[in-house]
Amino acid sequence: MALPNGAGGYQLGDGNLNEMQIETQATPATATVTATLTTAQLLNGIILGTPTTTAAAYTLPLATDLDAALSSAKVNSSFDFVVVNTNGSGSGVITITTNTGWSIGSSGSQGLMTVTTAGTSQMYRAVKTGDGAWSLYRIA
């Protein structure tokens, strides 16, 4: 199965419309206790969280750090990432918290930013809203 290749590189939707899109995935990033996530952890796409206590807060990186890593991102550019709670004891709750330059999307409820028990996950979408400004939405 050949991947479609247009002039100058791969072009999404260019021919072979019935073939699946194949991506690469690095080894998932990890986090345990309360911490500030790095830009690299977010951009990895999968964060395996193992809170060692009953609760852990994972703070997003500075929005300006994300801008530096994604220098070609425009307003309304977005990416998704997943946080998986892998705490074997089932007692650790993970809460995603904002940092400078971040806002919670239109839901506005911090309660939607939790990954409650072991074996559960939440998917988030980060959307660039301006220079040094990003919004976070829980989408699944």
N, C-alpha and C. Protein backbone atom coordinates (compact mmCIF):
# COMPACT_ATOMS: atom_id res chain seq x y z
N MET A 1 0.86 -1.17 0.00
CA MET A 1 0.00 0.00 0.00
C MET A 1 0.90 1.23 0.00
N ALA A 2 0.84 1.99 -1.05
CA ALA A 2 1.67 3.19 -1.16
C ALA A 2 0.94 4.39 -0.57
N LEU A 3 1.68 5.22 0.14
CA LEU A 3 1.10 6.46 0.65
C LEU A 3 1.10 7.49 -0.46
N PRO A 4 0.04 8.27 -0.60
CA PRO A 4 0.01 9.27 -1.66
C PRO A 4 1.10 10.31 -1.43
N ASN A 5 1.75 10.69 -2.48
CA ASN A 5 2.83 11.66 -2.38
C ASN A 5 2.68 12.66 -3.52
N GLY A 6 2.40 13.89 -3.17
CA GLY A 6 2.29 14.94 -4.18
C GLY A 6 3.62 15.66 -4.30
N ALA A 7 3.69 16.62 -5.16
CA ALA A 7 4.91 17.39 -5.32
C ALA A 7 5.24 18.09 -4.01
N GLY A 8 6.41 17.86 -3.50
CA GLY A 8 6.86 18.55 -2.30
C GLY A 8 6.49 17.86 -1.00
N GLY A 9 5.94 16.65 -1.02
CA GLY A 9 5.67 15.93 0.22
C GLY A 9 4.29 15.32 0.26
N TYR A 10 4.00 14.65 1.36
CA TYR A 10 2.72 13.98 1.55
C TYR A 10 1.59 14.98 1.59
N GLN A 11 0.50 14.67 0.90
CA GLN A 11 -0.65 15.57 0.90
C GLN A 11 -1.88 14.80 1.37
N LEU A 12 -2.42 15.22 2.49
CA LEU A 12 -3.58 14.57 3.06
C LEU A 12 -4.75 14.65 2.08
N GLY A 13 -5.37 13.50 1.83
CA GLY A 13 -6.53 13.46 0.96
C GLY A 13 -6.21 13.47 -0.51
N ASP A 14 -4.95 13.34 -0.88
CA ASP A 14 -4.54 13.37 -2.28
C ASP A 14 -4.43 11.94 -2.80
N GLY A 15 -5.53 11.43 -3.39
CA GLY A 15 -5.52 10.07 -3.93
C GLY A 15 -5.64 9.03 -2.84
N ASN A 16 -5.78 7.79 -3.23
CA ASN A 16 -5.86 6.67 -2.31
C ASN A 16 -6.82 6.96 -1.15
N LEU A 17 -7.98 7.48 -1.46
CA LEU A 17 -8.92 7.92 -0.42
C LEU A 17 -9.43 6.78 0.45
N ASN A 18 -9.35 5.55 -0.01
CA ASN A 18 -9.84 4.42 0.77
C ASN A 18 -8.77 3.81 1.67
N GLU A 19 -7.57 4.39 1.69
CA GLU A 19 -6.51 3.86 2.53
C GLU A 19 -6.47 4.61 3.85
N MET A 20 -6.09 3.88 4.90
CA MET A 20 -6.00 4.52 6.21
C MET A 20 -4.80 5.45 6.28
N GLN A 21 -4.90 6.43 7.16
CA GLN A 21 -3.78 7.33 7.39
C GLN A 21 -2.92 6.71 8.48
N ILE A 22 -1.64 6.57 8.22
CA ILE A 22 -0.72 5.96 9.17
C ILE A 22 0.14 7.06 9.77
N GLU A 23 0.25 7.03 11.09
CA GLU A 23 1.08 8.00 11.80
C GLU A 23 2.10 7.25 12.63
N THR A 24 3.10 7.95 13.12
CA THR A 24 4.05 7.36 14.05
C THR A 24 3.70 7.81 15.45
N GLN A 25 4.03 6.99 16.44
CA GLN A 25 3.79 7.33 17.84
C GLN A 25 5.02 6.96 18.64
N ALA A 26 5.64 7.95 19.23
CA ALA A 26 6.77 7.70 20.11
C ALA A 26 6.27 6.99 21.37
N THR A 27 7.19 6.46 22.14
CA THR A 27 6.82 5.86 23.42
C THR A 27 6.06 6.90 24.23
N PRO A 28 4.91 6.54 24.81
CA PRO A 28 4.13 7.52 25.55
C PRO A 28 4.93 8.20 26.65
N ALA A 29 4.61 9.47 26.88
CA ALA A 29 5.22 10.23 27.96
C ALA A 29 4.61 9.75 29.28
N THR A 30 5.31 9.99 30.38
CA THR A 30 4.81 9.57 31.69
C THR A 30 4.85 10.73 32.68
N ALA A 31 3.99 10.64 33.67
CA ALA A 31 3.99 11.58 34.80
C ALA A 31 3.47 10.83 36.01
N THR A 32 3.92 11.22 37.18
CA THR A 32 3.47 10.54 38.39
C THR A 32 2.83 11.55 39.33
N VAL A 33 3.62 12.11 40.20
CA VAL A 33 3.10 13.05 41.19
C VAL A 33 2.77 14.39 40.55
N THR A 34 2.20 15.29 41.33
CA THR A 34 1.89 16.63 40.85
C THR A 34 3.10 17.24 40.17
N ALA A 35 2.91 17.78 38.95
CA ALA A 35 4.03 18.32 38.18
C ALA A 35 3.53 19.27 37.11
N THR A 36 4.46 20.07 36.59
CA THR A 36 4.18 20.87 35.40
C THR A 36 4.61 20.04 34.20
N LEU A 37 3.67 19.77 33.31
CA LEU A 37 3.97 18.99 32.12
C LEU A 37 4.86 19.81 31.20
N THR A 38 5.67 19.13 30.42
CA THR A 38 6.51 19.80 29.44
C THR A 38 5.78 19.87 28.10
N THR A 39 6.24 20.75 27.27
CA THR A 39 5.70 20.84 25.91
C THR A 39 5.89 19.50 25.20
N ALA A 40 7.04 18.87 25.38
CA ALA A 40 7.30 17.58 24.73
C ALA A 40 6.30 16.52 25.18
N GLN A 41 5.92 16.52 26.46
CA GLN A 41 4.94 15.55 26.93
C GLN A 41 3.59 15.75 26.23
N LEU A 42 3.15 17.01 26.10
CA LEU A 42 1.88 17.27 25.42
C LEU A 42 1.93 16.86 23.97
N LEU A 43 3.00 17.25 23.29
CA LEU A 43 3.10 16.99 21.86
C LEU A 43 3.31 15.51 21.54
N ASN A 44 3.72 14.72 22.53
CA ASN A 44 3.84 13.28 22.35
C ASN A 44 2.49 12.67 22.00
N GLY A 45 1.42 13.22 22.58
CA GLY A 45 0.08 12.75 22.25
C GLY A 45 -0.54 11.82 23.28
N ILE A 46 0.30 11.09 24.02
CA ILE A 46 -0.20 10.19 25.05
C ILE A 46 0.62 10.42 26.32
N ILE A 47 -0.08 10.69 27.42
CA ILE A 47 0.59 10.82 28.72
C ILE A 47 0.02 9.74 29.63
N LEU A 48 0.89 8.86 30.10
CA LEU A 48 0.49 7.83 31.04
C LEU A 48 0.73 8.37 32.43
N GLY A 49 -0.36 8.65 33.14
CA GLY A 49 -0.26 9.23 34.47
C GLY A 49 -0.46 8.18 35.53
N THR A 50 0.46 8.16 36.49
CA THR A 50 0.37 7.23 37.61
C THR A 50 0.50 8.03 38.90
N PRO A 51 -0.58 8.67 39.34
CA PRO A 51 -0.48 9.44 40.58
C PRO A 51 -0.19 8.50 41.75
N THR A 52 0.78 8.86 42.56
CA THR A 52 1.18 8.00 43.66
C THR A 52 0.44 8.33 44.95
N THR A 53 -0.38 9.34 44.90
CA THR A 53 -1.20 9.70 46.06
C THR A 53 -2.66 9.66 45.63
N THR A 54 -3.55 10.17 46.45
CA THR A 54 -4.96 10.16 46.08
C THR A 54 -5.29 11.20 45.02
N ALA A 55 -4.39 12.16 44.80
CA ALA A 55 -4.66 13.18 43.79
C ALA A 55 -3.34 13.74 43.26
N ALA A 56 -3.34 14.09 41.98
CA ALA A 56 -2.19 14.73 41.36
C ALA A 56 -2.69 15.79 40.40
N ALA A 57 -2.05 16.94 40.41
CA ALA A 57 -2.39 18.01 39.47
C ALA A 57 -1.29 18.07 38.42
N TYR A 58 -1.67 17.97 37.16
CA TYR A 58 -0.74 18.11 36.05
C TYR A 58 -0.99 19.47 35.43
N THR A 59 -0.06 20.39 35.66
CA THR A 59 -0.19 21.76 35.16
C THR A 59 0.34 21.82 33.73
N LEU A 60 -0.39 22.49 32.87
CA LEU A 60 0.03 22.65 31.48
C LEU A 60 1.31 23.48 31.42
N PRO A 61 2.12 23.31 30.37
CA PRO A 61 3.32 24.17 30.23
C PRO A 61 2.90 25.60 29.90
N LEU A 62 3.81 26.54 30.04
CA LEU A 62 3.52 27.92 29.66
C LEU A 62 3.09 27.97 28.19
N ALA A 63 2.10 28.77 27.90
CA ALA A 63 1.63 28.91 26.51
C ALA A 63 2.74 29.43 25.61
N THR A 64 3.60 30.30 26.14
CA THR A 64 4.71 30.82 25.34
C THR A 64 5.71 29.71 24.99
N ASP A 65 5.87 28.73 25.88
CA ASP A 65 6.75 27.60 25.57
C ASP A 65 6.17 26.76 24.44
N LEU A 66 4.85 26.61 24.44
CA LEU A 66 4.19 25.87 23.36
C LEU A 66 4.33 26.64 22.04
N ASP A 67 4.19 27.97 22.10
CA ASP A 67 4.38 28.79 20.90
C ASP A 67 5.79 28.61 20.34
N ALA A 68 6.78 28.55 21.21
CA ALA A 68 8.16 28.39 20.77
C ALA A 68 8.37 27.04 20.09
N ALA A 69 7.73 26.00 20.62
CA ALA A 69 7.87 24.66 20.04
C ALA A 69 7.10 24.52 18.74
N LEU A 70 5.99 25.26 18.62
CA LEU A 70 5.14 25.19 17.42
C LEU A 70 5.15 26.55 16.73
N SER A 71 6.33 26.96 16.28
CA SER A 71 6.50 28.32 15.77
C SER A 71 5.67 28.62 14.53
N SER A 72 5.24 27.61 13.80
CA SER A 72 4.43 27.86 12.61
C SER A 72 2.93 27.77 12.88
N ALA A 73 2.54 27.54 14.14
CA ALA A 73 1.11 27.46 14.47
C ALA A 73 0.45 28.83 14.31
N LYS A 74 -0.73 28.82 13.72
CA LYS A 74 -1.51 30.05 13.53
C LYS A 74 -2.69 30.01 14.49
N VAL A 75 -3.38 31.13 14.64
CA VAL A 75 -4.60 31.15 15.44
C VAL A 75 -5.55 30.09 14.89
N ASN A 76 -6.14 29.33 15.77
CA ASN A 76 -7.04 28.20 15.50
C ASN A 76 -6.32 26.91 15.13
N SER A 77 -4.97 26.90 15.12
CA SER A 77 -4.26 25.63 15.00
C SER A 77 -4.55 24.83 16.25
N SER A 78 -4.59 23.51 16.12
CA SER A 78 -4.89 22.69 17.29
C SER A 78 -4.16 21.36 17.21
N PHE A 79 -4.11 20.71 18.37
CA PHE A 79 -3.61 19.34 18.44
C PHE A 79 -4.32 18.67 19.60
N ASP A 80 -4.36 17.34 19.56
CA ASP A 80 -5.03 16.56 20.60
C ASP A 80 -4.00 15.78 21.40
N PHE A 81 -4.31 15.54 22.66
CA PHE A 81 -3.52 14.64 23.48
C PHE A 81 -4.44 13.91 24.46
N VAL A 82 -3.97 12.78 24.95
CA VAL A 82 -4.74 11.94 25.85
C VAL A 82 -3.97 11.76 27.15
N VAL A 83 -4.69 11.83 28.27
CA VAL A 83 -4.11 11.49 29.56
C VAL A 83 -4.79 10.22 30.04
N VAL A 84 -3.98 9.19 30.30
CA VAL A 84 -4.48 7.90 30.75
C VAL A 84 -4.08 7.73 32.21
N ASN A 85 -5.05 7.44 33.06
CA ASN A 85 -4.76 7.19 34.47
C ASN A 85 -4.43 5.71 34.63
N THR A 86 -3.17 5.40 34.94
CA THR A 86 -2.73 4.01 35.06
C THR A 86 -2.46 3.61 36.51
N ASN A 87 -2.96 4.38 37.46
CA ASN A 87 -2.74 4.07 38.87
C ASN A 87 -3.37 2.72 39.20
N GLY A 88 -2.55 1.75 39.55
CA GLY A 88 -3.03 0.40 39.83
C GLY A 88 -3.93 0.30 41.05
N SER A 89 -3.77 1.23 42.00
CA SER A 89 -4.58 1.15 43.21
C SER A 89 -5.99 1.69 42.98
N GLY A 90 -6.16 2.42 41.90
CA GLY A 90 -7.48 2.96 41.59
C GLY A 90 -7.88 4.16 42.41
N SER A 91 -6.96 4.68 43.25
CA SER A 91 -7.35 5.78 44.13
C SER A 91 -6.85 7.14 43.67
N GLY A 92 -5.95 7.20 42.72
CA GLY A 92 -5.37 8.47 42.30
C GLY A 92 -6.17 9.17 41.24
N VAL A 93 -6.56 10.41 41.52
CA VAL A 93 -7.28 11.24 40.56
C VAL A 93 -6.29 12.24 39.97
N ILE A 94 -6.34 12.42 38.65
CA ILE A 94 -5.48 13.39 37.96
C ILE A 94 -6.34 14.57 37.56
N THR A 95 -5.87 15.78 37.86
CA THR A 95 -6.56 16.99 37.43
C THR A 95 -5.61 17.79 36.55
N ILE A 96 -6.08 18.18 35.38
CA ILE A 96 -5.30 19.03 34.48
C ILE A 96 -5.58 20.48 34.87
N THR A 97 -4.52 21.25 35.13
CA THR A 97 -4.68 22.64 35.54
C THR A 97 -3.98 23.57 34.55
N THR A 98 -4.46 24.80 34.50
CA THR A 98 -3.93 25.76 33.53
C THR A 98 -2.63 26.39 34.04
N ASN A 99 -1.98 27.10 33.15
CA ASN A 99 -0.76 27.85 33.44
C ASN A 99 -0.89 29.18 32.72
N THR A 100 0.09 30.03 32.81
CA THR A 100 0.05 31.34 32.18
C THR A 100 -0.19 31.21 30.68
N GLY A 101 -1.21 31.92 30.19
CA GLY A 101 -1.55 31.92 28.78
C GLY A 101 -2.60 30.90 28.39
N TRP A 102 -3.06 30.09 29.34
CA TRP A 102 -4.06 29.06 29.06
C TRP A 102 -5.40 29.44 29.62
N SER A 103 -6.46 28.98 28.96
CA SER A 103 -7.81 29.09 29.51
C SER A 103 -8.52 27.78 29.22
N ILE A 104 -9.51 27.49 30.06
CA ILE A 104 -10.35 26.32 29.81
C ILE A 104 -11.39 26.75 28.79
N GLY A 105 -11.61 25.93 27.77
CA GLY A 105 -12.54 26.27 26.69
C GLY A 105 -13.93 26.60 27.17
N SER A 106 -14.85 26.68 26.27
CA SER A 106 -16.18 27.20 26.55
C SER A 106 -16.93 26.46 27.64
N SER A 107 -16.51 25.23 27.97
CA SER A 107 -17.18 24.50 29.05
C SER A 107 -17.05 25.26 30.36
N GLY A 108 -15.86 25.86 30.59
CA GLY A 108 -15.63 26.67 31.76
C GLY A 108 -15.61 25.93 33.07
N SER A 109 -15.81 24.64 33.06
CA SER A 109 -15.88 23.89 34.32
C SER A 109 -14.59 23.14 34.56
N GLN A 110 -13.89 23.49 35.63
CA GLN A 110 -12.65 22.80 35.98
C GLN A 110 -12.92 21.33 36.26
N GLY A 111 -14.13 21.00 36.68
CA GLY A 111 -14.48 19.61 36.96
C GLY A 111 -14.33 18.71 35.76
N LEU A 112 -14.39 19.27 34.56
CA LEU A 112 -14.24 18.47 33.35
C LEU A 112 -12.79 18.13 33.06
N MET A 113 -11.87 18.62 33.87
CA MET A 113 -10.45 18.43 33.63
C MET A 113 -9.87 17.31 34.47
N THR A 114 -10.70 16.38 34.94
CA THR A 114 -10.20 15.29 35.78
C THR A 114 -10.22 13.96 35.05
N VAL A 115 -9.23 13.14 35.38
CA VAL A 115 -9.16 11.74 34.94
C VAL A 115 -9.28 10.95 36.23
N THR A 116 -10.46 10.43 36.47
CA THR A 116 -10.82 10.00 37.82
C THR A 116 -10.19 8.72 38.34
N THR A 117 -10.29 7.63 37.66
CA THR A 117 -9.82 6.37 38.23
C THR A 117 -8.93 5.61 37.26
N ALA A 118 -8.25 4.61 37.82
CA ALA A 118 -7.36 3.78 37.01
C ALA A 118 -8.12 3.17 35.85
N GLY A 119 -7.47 3.12 34.72
CA GLY A 119 -8.07 2.52 33.54
C GLY A 119 -8.95 3.47 32.75
N THR A 120 -9.05 4.73 33.19
CA THR A 120 -9.83 5.70 32.43
C THR A 120 -8.90 6.69 31.75
N SER A 121 -9.41 7.36 30.75
CA SER A 121 -8.61 8.36 30.04
C SER A 121 -9.52 9.50 29.60
N GLN A 122 -8.90 10.61 29.32
CA GLN A 122 -9.60 11.78 28.77
C GLN A 122 -8.78 12.30 27.59
N MET A 123 -9.48 12.74 26.56
CA MET A 123 -8.83 13.35 25.41
C MET A 123 -9.07 14.85 25.46
N TYR A 124 -8.03 15.60 25.17
CA TYR A 124 -8.09 17.05 25.20
C TYR A 124 -7.65 17.62 23.86
N ARG A 125 -8.19 18.78 23.53
CA ARG A 125 -7.76 19.52 22.35
C ARG A 125 -7.25 20.88 22.79
N ALA A 126 -6.01 21.19 22.40
CA ALA A 126 -5.41 22.49 22.66
C ALA A 126 -5.56 23.33 21.39
N VAL A 127 -6.09 24.54 21.54
CA VAL A 127 -6.34 25.42 20.40
C VAL A 127 -5.63 26.75 20.63
N LYS A 128 -4.82 27.15 19.66
CA LYS A 128 -4.12 28.44 19.75
C LYS A 128 -5.13 29.56 19.51
N THR A 129 -5.22 30.50 20.45
CA THR A 129 -6.17 31.60 20.33
C THR A 129 -5.49 32.95 20.12
N GLY A 130 -4.17 32.98 20.17
CA GLY A 130 -3.41 34.22 19.97
C GLY A 130 -1.96 33.98 20.33
N ASP A 131 -1.14 35.03 20.25
CA ASP A 131 0.25 34.90 20.64
C ASP A 131 0.33 34.67 22.14
N GLY A 132 0.93 33.55 22.54
CA GLY A 132 1.03 33.21 23.96
C GLY A 132 -0.31 32.91 24.59
N ALA A 133 -1.27 32.47 23.80
CA ALA A 133 -2.62 32.18 24.32
C ALA A 133 -3.17 30.90 23.69
N TRP A 134 -3.58 29.98 24.55
CA TRP A 134 -4.15 28.71 24.13
C TRP A 134 -5.36 28.41 24.99
N SER A 135 -6.33 27.68 24.41
CA SER A 135 -7.50 27.19 25.15
C SER A 135 -7.45 25.68 25.16
N LEU A 136 -7.95 25.09 26.24
CA LEU A 136 -8.00 23.65 26.37
C LEU A 136 -9.44 23.19 26.47
N TYR A 137 -9.79 22.18 25.68
CA TYR A 137 -11.12 21.60 25.68
C TYR A 137 -11.00 20.11 25.97
N ARG A 138 -11.86 19.60 26.82
CA ARG A 138 -11.97 18.15 26.96
C ARG A 138 -12.93 17.69 25.87
N ILE A 139 -12.48 16.79 25.02
CA ILE A 139 -13.33 16.39 23.89
C ILE A 139 -13.80 14.94 23.97
N ALA A 140 -13.25 14.16 24.86
CA ALA A 140 -13.72 12.78 25.03
C ALA A 140 -13.24 12.23 26.36
